[in-house]
Amino acid sequence: MSQESTRSTSSPSAASAKPAGRCPICRRPATAAVRPFCSPRCRDVDLHRWLSGSYVIPATEGDEDDVE
C-alpha cells in the first residue's frame, strides 16, 4: 500500500491524471480527447456560438488604436 501511494506522487503521469474539469456547455466531466469539452457535440455547439456572434467581446467607439 505504501508503494502505491509513493508511486502515484512521484510518477510524472500523476500530474496528467488530475480531473480535466467541467464542460463549459453542459457541465459534465470533460474528456481529454476534446478538452475542455465532454464531447464533439459540445465542442461544435461552442464553435457555433462563436461563429454566430453569440459570444462577443464588447468594445466602445474609443477603443480603435489605428485612428490618427
PDB file of N, CA and C in Angstrom:
ATOM      1  N   MET A   1       0.829  -1.197   0.000  1.00  0.00           N
ATOM      2  CA  MET A   1       0.000   0.000   0.000  1.00  0.00           C
ATOM      3  C   MET A   1       0.871   1.258   0.000  1.00  0.00           C
ATOM      4  N   SER A   2       1.970   1.268   0.719  1.00  0.00           N
ATOM      5  CA  SER A   2       2.833   2.440   0.729  1.00  0.00           C
ATOM      6  C   SER A   2       3.532   2.632  -0.606  1.00  0.00           C
ATOM      7  N   GLN A   3       3.833   1.534  -1.314  1.00  0.00           N
ATOM      8  CA  GLN A   3       4.432   1.645  -2.633  1.00  0.00           C
ATOM      9  C   GLN A   3       3.486   2.323  -3.605  1.00  0.00           C
ATOM     10  N   GLU A   4       2.212   1.993  -3.518  1.00  0.00           N
ATOM     11  CA  GLU A   4       1.210   2.572  -4.425  1.00  0.00           C
ATOM     12  C   GLU A   4       1.088   4.071  -4.215  1.00  0.00           C
ATOM     13  N   SER A   5       1.061   4.536  -2.955  1.00  0.00           N
ATOM     14  CA  SER A   5       0.944   5.973  -2.702  1.00  0.00           C
ATOM     15  C   SER A   5       2.224   6.698  -3.084  1.00  0.00           C
ATOM     16  N   THR A   6       3.385   6.066  -2.892  1.00  0.00           N
ATOM     17  CA  THR A   6       4.645   6.676  -3.292  1.00  0.00           C
ATOM     18  C   THR A   6       4.738   6.779  -4.798  1.00  0.00           C
ATOM     19  N   ARG A   7       4.318   5.749  -5.467  1.00  0.00           N
ATOM     20  CA  ARG A   7       4.370   5.727  -6.928  1.00  0.00           C
ATOM     21  C   ARG A   7       3.462   6.790  -7.539  1.00  0.00           C
ATOM     22  N   SER A   8       2.294   7.024  -6.970  1.00  0.00           N
ATOM     23  CA  SER A   8       1.376   7.992  -7.544  1.00  0.00           C
ATOM     24  C   SER A   8       1.873   9.429  -7.369  1.00  0.00           C
ATOM     25  N   THR A   9       2.624   9.700  -6.312  1.00  0.00           N
ATOM     26  CA  THR A   9       3.106  11.064  -6.120  1.00  0.00           C
ATOM     27  C   THR A   9       4.384  11.340  -6.885  1.00  0.00           C
ATOM     28  N   SER A  10       5.225  10.309  -7.106  1.00  0.00           N
ATOM     29  CA  SER A  10       6.474  10.540  -7.802  1.00  0.00           C
ATOM     30  C   SER A  10       6.380  10.304  -9.300  1.00  0.00           C
ATOM     31  N   SER A  11       5.309   9.748  -9.765  1.00  0.00           N
ATOM     32  CA  SER A  11       5.150   9.434 -11.178  1.00  0.00           C
ATOM     33  C   SER A  11       4.858  10.696 -11.978  1.00  0.00           C
ATOM     34  N   PRO A  12       5.492  10.883 -13.142  1.00  0.00           N
ATOM     35  CA  PRO A  12       5.193  12.062 -13.963  1.00  0.00           C
ATOM     36  C   PRO A  12       3.771  12.047 -14.514  1.00  0.00           C
ATOM     37  N   SER A  13       3.166  10.873 -14.589  1.00  0.00           N
ATOM     38  CA  SER A  13       1.798  10.805 -15.101  1.00  0.00           C
ATOM     39  C   SER A  13       0.768  11.178 -14.046  1.00  0.00           C
ATOM     40  N   ALA A  14       1.196  11.318 -12.802  1.00  0.00           N
ATOM     41  CA  ALA A  14       0.269  11.698 -11.741  1.00  0.00           C
ATOM     42  C   ALA A  14      -0.290  13.096 -11.986  1.00  0.00           C
ATOM     43  N   ALA A  15       0.520  13.991 -12.535  1.00  0.00           N
ATOM     44  CA  ALA A  15       0.048  15.349 -12.814  1.00  0.00           C
ATOM     45  C   ALA A  15      -0.979  15.346 -13.931  1.00  0.00           C
ATOM     46  N   SER A  16      -0.817  14.471 -14.907  1.00  0.00           N
ATOM     47  CA  SER A  16      -1.775  14.420 -16.010  1.00  0.00           C
ATOM     48  C   SER A  16      -3.029  13.645 -15.649  1.00  0.00           C
ATOM     49  N   ALA A  17      -3.023  12.971 -14.502  1.00  0.00           N
ATOM     50  CA  ALA A  17      -4.177  12.189 -14.086  1.00  0.00           C
ATOM     51  C   ALA A  17      -5.214  13.043 -13.360  1.00  0.00           C
ATOM     52  N   LYS A  18      -4.921  14.325 -13.161  1.00  0.00           N
ATOM     53  CA  LYS A  18      -5.873  15.176 -12.470  1.00  0.00           C
ATOM     54  C   LYS A  18      -7.133  15.343 -13.323  1.00  0.00           C
ATOM     55  N   PRO A  19      -8.276  15.604 -12.702  1.00  0.00           N
ATOM     56  CA  PRO A  19      -9.508  15.752 -13.467  1.00  0.00           C
ATOM     57  C   PRO A  19      -9.417  16.894 -14.473  1.00  0.00           C
ATOM     58  N   ALA A  20     -10.022  16.701 -15.608  1.00  0.00           N
ATOM     59  CA  ALA A  20      -9.946  17.678 -16.688  1.00  0.00           C
ATOM     60  C   ALA A  20     -10.874  18.866 -16.464  1.00  0.00           C
ATOM     61  N   GLY A  21     -11.751  18.818 -15.491  1.00  0.00           N
ATOM     62  CA  GLY A  21     -12.669  19.916 -15.237  1.00  0.00           C
ATOM     63  C   GLY A  21     -14.043  19.625 -15.801  1.00  0.00           C
ATOM     64  N   ARG A  22     -14.833  20.635 -15.912  1.00  0.00           N
ATOM     65  CA  ARG A  22     -16.207  20.511 -16.386  1.00  0.00           C
ATOM     66  C   ARG A  22     -16.356  21.142 -17.756  1.00  0.00           C
ATOM     67  N   CYS A  23     -17.224  20.562 -18.545  1.00  0.00           N
ATOM     68  CA  CYS A  23     -17.546  21.079 -19.870  1.00  0.00           C
ATOM     69  C   CYS A  23     -18.253  22.429 -19.710  1.00  0.00           C
ATOM     70  N   PRO A  24     -17.812  23.466 -20.406  1.00  0.00           N
ATOM     71  CA  PRO A  24     -18.446  24.778 -20.256  1.00  0.00           C
ATOM     72  C   PRO A  24     -19.855  24.846 -20.854  1.00  0.00           C
ATOM     73  N   ILE A  25     -20.224  23.863 -21.664  1.00  0.00           N
ATOM     74  CA  ILE A  25     -21.549  23.868 -22.281  1.00  0.00           C
ATOM     75  C   ILE A  25     -22.574  23.154 -21.410  1.00  0.00           C
ATOM     76  N   CYS A  26     -22.268  21.899 -20.999  1.00  0.00           N
ATOM     77  CA  CYS A  26     -23.269  21.099 -20.278  1.00  0.00           C
ATOM     78  C   CYS A  26     -22.867  20.748 -18.853  1.00  0.00           C
ATOM     79  N   ARG A  27     -21.663  21.126 -18.440  1.00  0.00           N
ATOM     80  CA  ARG A  27     -21.137  20.906 -17.090  1.00  0.00           C
ATOM     81  C   ARG A  27     -20.842  19.444 -16.759  1.00  0.00           C
ATOM     82  N   ARG A  28     -20.832  18.550 -17.732  1.00  0.00           N
ATOM     83  CA  ARG A  28     -20.404  17.170 -17.497  1.00  0.00           C
ATOM     84  C   ARG A  28     -18.887  17.154 -17.372  1.00  0.00           C
ATOM     85  N   PRO A  29     -18.313  16.074 -16.842  1.00  0.00           N
ATOM     86  CA  PRO A  29     -16.843  15.987 -16.784  1.00  0.00           C
ATOM     87  C   PRO A  29     -16.236  16.021 -18.183  1.00  0.00           C
ATOM     88  N   ALA A  30     -15.193  16.792 -18.351  1.00  0.00           N
ATOM     89  CA  ALA A  30     -14.526  16.916 -19.654  1.00  0.00           C
ATOM     90  C   ALA A  30     -13.695  15.674 -19.944  1.00  0.00           C
ATOM     91  N   THR A  31     -13.483  15.382 -21.222  1.00  0.00           N
ATOM     92  CA  THR A  31     -12.633  14.272 -21.628  1.00  0.00           C
ATOM     93  C   THR A  31     -11.372  14.819 -22.276  1.00  0.00           C
ATOM     94  N   ALA A  32     -10.302  14.055 -22.197  1.00  0.00           N
ATOM     95  CA  ALA A  32      -9.011  14.513 -22.721  1.00  0.00           C
ATOM     96  C   ALA A  32      -9.044  14.681 -24.239  1.00  0.00           C
ATOM     97  N   ALA A  33      -9.836  13.884 -24.930  1.00  0.00           N
ATOM     98  CA  ALA A  33      -9.861  13.919 -26.397  1.00  0.00           C
ATOM     99  C   ALA A  33     -10.399  15.241 -26.944  1.00  0.00           C
ATOM    100  N   VAL A  34     -11.357  15.845 -26.275  1.00  0.00           N
ATOM    101  CA  VAL A  34     -11.974  17.090 -26.765  1.00  0.00           C
ATOM    102  C   VAL A  34     -11.948  18.177 -25.683  1.00  0.00           C
ATOM    103  N   ARG A  35     -10.937  18.128 -24.841  1.00  0.00           N
ATOM    104  CA  ARG A  35     -10.807  19.058 -23.740  1.00  0.00           C
ATOM    105  C   ARG A  35     -10.857  20.498 -24.206  1.00  0.00           C
ATOM    106  N   PRO A  36     -11.554  21.388 -23.591  1.00  0.00           N
ATOM    107  CA  PRO A  36     -12.196  21.329 -22.290  1.00  0.00           C
ATOM    108  C   PRO A  36     -13.644  20.861 -22.339  1.00  0.00           C
ATOM    109  N   PHE A  37     -14.060  20.297 -23.433  1.00  0.00           N
ATOM    110  CA  PHE A  37     -15.441  19.850 -23.594  1.00  0.00           C
ATOM    111  C   PHE A  37     -15.584  18.372 -23.251  1.00  0.00           C
ATOM    112  N   CYS A  38     -16.833  17.900 -23.160  1.00  0.00           N
ATOM    113  CA  CYS A  38     -17.078  16.492 -22.838  1.00  0.00           C
ATOM    114  C   CYS A  38     -17.287  15.656 -24.093  1.00  0.00           C
ATOM    115  N   SER A  39     -17.613  16.287 -25.204  1.00  0.00           N
ATOM    116  CA  SER A  39     -17.909  15.539 -26.425  1.00  0.00           C
ATOM    117  C   SER A  39     -17.704  16.434 -27.647  1.00  0.00           C
ATOM    118  N   PRO A  40     -17.593  15.836 -28.814  1.00  0.00           N
ATOM    119  CA  PRO A  40     -17.513  16.644 -30.032  1.00  0.00           C
ATOM    120  C   PRO A  40     -18.754  17.515 -30.232  1.00  0.00           C
ATOM    121  N   ARG A  41     -19.896  17.048 -29.767  1.00  0.00           N
ATOM    122  CA  ARG A  41     -21.125  17.835 -29.908  1.00  0.00           C
ATOM    123  C   ARG A  41     -21.015  19.157 -29.146  1.00  0.00           C
ATOM    124  N   CYS A  42     -20.568  19.099 -27.895  1.00  0.00           N
ATOM    125  CA  CYS A  42     -20.430  20.335 -27.116  1.00  0.00           C
ATOM    126  C   CYS A  42     -19.362  21.243 -27.714  1.00  0.00           C
ATOM    127  N   ARG A  43     -18.298  20.658 -28.255  1.00  0.00           N
ATOM    128  CA  ARG A  43     -17.265  21.454 -28.932  1.00  0.00           C
ATOM    129  C   ARG A  43     -17.868  22.195 -30.124  1.00  0.00           C
ATOM    130  N   ASP A  44     -18.718  21.505 -30.895  1.00  0.00           N
ATOM    131  CA  ASP A  44     -19.353  22.125 -32.052  1.00  0.00           C
ATOM    132  C   ASP A  44     -20.387  23.178 -31.650  1.00  0.00           C
ATOM    133  N   VAL A  45     -21.089  22.951 -30.548  1.00  0.00           N
ATOM    134  CA  VAL A  45     -22.042  23.947 -30.044  1.00  0.00           C
ATOM    135  C   VAL A  45     -21.294  25.233 -29.691  1.00  0.00           C
ATOM    136  N   ASP A  46     -20.149  25.097 -29.034  1.00  0.00           N
ATOM    137  CA  ASP A  46     -19.350  26.265 -28.675  1.00  0.00           C
ATOM    138  C   ASP A  46     -18.838  26.995 -29.917  1.00  0.00           C
ATOM    139  N   LEU A  47     -18.357  26.236 -30.905  1.00  0.00           N
ATOM    140  CA  LEU A  47     -17.885  26.845 -32.148  1.00  0.00           C
ATOM    141  C   LEU A  47     -19.019  27.600 -32.844  1.00  0.00           C
ATOM    142  N   HIS A  48     -20.207  27.021 -32.868  1.00  0.00           N
ATOM    143  CA  HIS A  48     -21.355  27.692 -33.489  1.00  0.00           C
ATOM    144  C   HIS A  48     -21.687  28.995 -32.771  1.00  0.00           C
ATOM    145  N   ARG A  49     -21.601  28.974 -31.449  1.00  0.00           N
ATOM    146  CA  ARG A  49     -21.879  30.200 -30.691  1.00  0.00           C
ATOM    147  C   ARG A  49     -20.884  31.302 -31.032  1.00  0.00           C
ATOM    148  N   TRP A  50     -19.610  30.951 -31.226  1.00  0.00           N
ATOM    149  CA  TRP A  50     -18.613  31.954 -31.616  1.00  0.00           C
ATOM    150  C   TRP A  50     -18.888  32.464 -33.021  1.00  0.00           C
ATOM    151  N   LEU A  51     -19.157  31.554 -33.952  1.00  0.00           N
ATOM    152  CA  LEU A  51     -19.347  31.955 -35.348  1.00  0.00           C
ATOM    153  C   LEU A  51     -20.640  32.720 -35.585  1.00  0.00           C
ATOM    154  N   SER A  52     -21.663  32.452 -34.784  1.00  0.00           N
ATOM    155  CA  SER A  52     -22.941  33.137 -34.968  1.00  0.00           C
ATOM    156  C   SER A  52     -22.989  34.489 -34.253  1.00  0.00           C
ATOM    157  N   GLY A  53     -21.977  34.774 -33.444  1.00  0.00           N
ATOM    158  CA  GLY A  53     -21.952  36.066 -32.752  1.00  0.00           C
ATOM    159  C   GLY A  53     -22.589  36.039 -31.384  1.00  0.00           C
ATOM    160  N   SER A  54     -22.917  34.872 -30.852  1.00  0.00           N
ATOM    161  CA  SER A  54     -23.475  34.787 -29.504  1.00  0.00           C
ATOM    162  C   SER A  54     -22.455  35.213 -28.460  1.00  0.00           C
ATOM    163  N   TYR A  55     -21.186  34.891 -28.716  1.00  0.00           N
ATOM    164  CA  TYR A  55     -20.106  35.335 -27.847  1.00  0.00           C
ATOM    165  C   TYR A  55     -19.475  36.557 -28.516  1.00  0.00           C
ATOM    166  N   VAL A  56     -19.429  37.662 -27.799  1.00  0.00           N
ATOM    167  CA  VAL A  56     -18.801  38.866 -28.330  1.00  0.00           C
ATOM    168  C   VAL A  56     -17.967  39.506 -27.233  1.00  0.00           C
ATOM    169  N   ILE A  57     -16.908  40.132 -27.638  1.00  0.00           N
ATOM    170  CA  ILE A  57     -16.102  40.917 -26.718  1.00  0.00           C
ATOM    171  C   ILE A  57     -16.539  42.359 -26.903  1.00  0.00           C
ATOM    172  N   PRO A  58     -17.158  42.952 -25.876  1.00  0.00           N
ATOM    173  CA  PRO A  58     -17.677  44.308 -26.031  1.00  0.00           C
ATOM    174  C   PRO A  58     -16.571  45.322 -26.280  1.00  0.00           C
ATOM    175  N   ALA A  59     -16.861  46.264 -27.119  1.00  0.00           N
ATOM    176  CA  ALA A  59     -15.913  47.332 -27.427  1.00  0.00           C
ATOM    177  C   ALA A  59     -16.673  48.645 -27.509  1.00  0.00           C
ATOM    178  N   THR A  60     -15.966  49.723 -27.246  1.00  0.00           N
ATOM    179  CA  THR A  60     -16.580  51.048 -27.356  1.00  0.00           C
ATOM    180  C   THR A  60     -15.953  51.766 -28.539  1.00  0.00           C
ATOM    181  N   GLU A  61     -16.505  52.876 -28.920  1.00  0.00           N
ATOM    182  CA  GLU A  61     -16.020  53.637 -30.069  1.00  0.00           C
ATOM    183  C   GLU A  61     -14.591  54.120 -29.871  1.00  0.00           C
ATOM    184  N   GLY A  62     -14.164  54.377 -28.659  1.00  0.00           N
ATOM    185  CA  GLY A  62     -12.839  54.905 -28.377  1.00  0.00           C
ATOM    186  C   GLY A  62     -11.752  53.842 -28.333  1.00  0.00           C
ATOM    187  N   ASP A  63     -12.054  52.575 -28.593  1.00  0.00           N
ATOM    188  CA  ASP A  63     -11.082  51.510 -28.486  1.00  0.00           C
ATOM    189  C   ASP A  63     -10.220  51.325 -29.718  1.00  0.00           C
ATOM    190  N   GLU A  64     -10.465  52.024 -30.791  1.00  0.00           N
ATOM    191  CA  GLU A  64      -9.691  51.843 -32.017  1.00  0.00           C
ATOM    192  C   GLU A  64      -8.325  52.492 -31.865  1.00  0.00           C
ATOM    193  N   ASP A  65      -7.245  51.701 -32.062  1.00  0.00           N
ATOM    194  CA  ASP A  65      -5.889  52.204 -31.900  1.00  0.00           C
ATOM    195  C   ASP A  65      -5.310  52.775 -33.201  1.00  0.00           C
ATOM    196  N   ASP A  66      -5.809  52.344 -34.337  1.00  0.00           N
ATOM    197  CA  ASP A  66      -5.214  52.747 -35.616  1.00  0.00           C
ATOM    198  C   ASP A  66      -5.793  54.034 -36.198  1.00  0.00           C
ATOM    199  N   VAL A  67      -6.572  54.772 -35.455  1.00  0.00           N
ATOM    200  CA  VAL A  67      -7.128  56.034 -35.910  1.00  0.00           C
ATOM    201  C   VAL A  67      -6.107  57.144 -35.620  1.00  0.00           C
ATOM    202  N   GLU A  68      -5.803  57.951 -36.619  1.00  0.00           N
ATOM    203  CA  GLU A  68      -4.800  59.022 -36.442  1.00  0.00           C
ATOM    204  C   GLU A  68      -5.440  60.367 -36.282  1.00  0.00           C
TER     205      GLU A  68
END
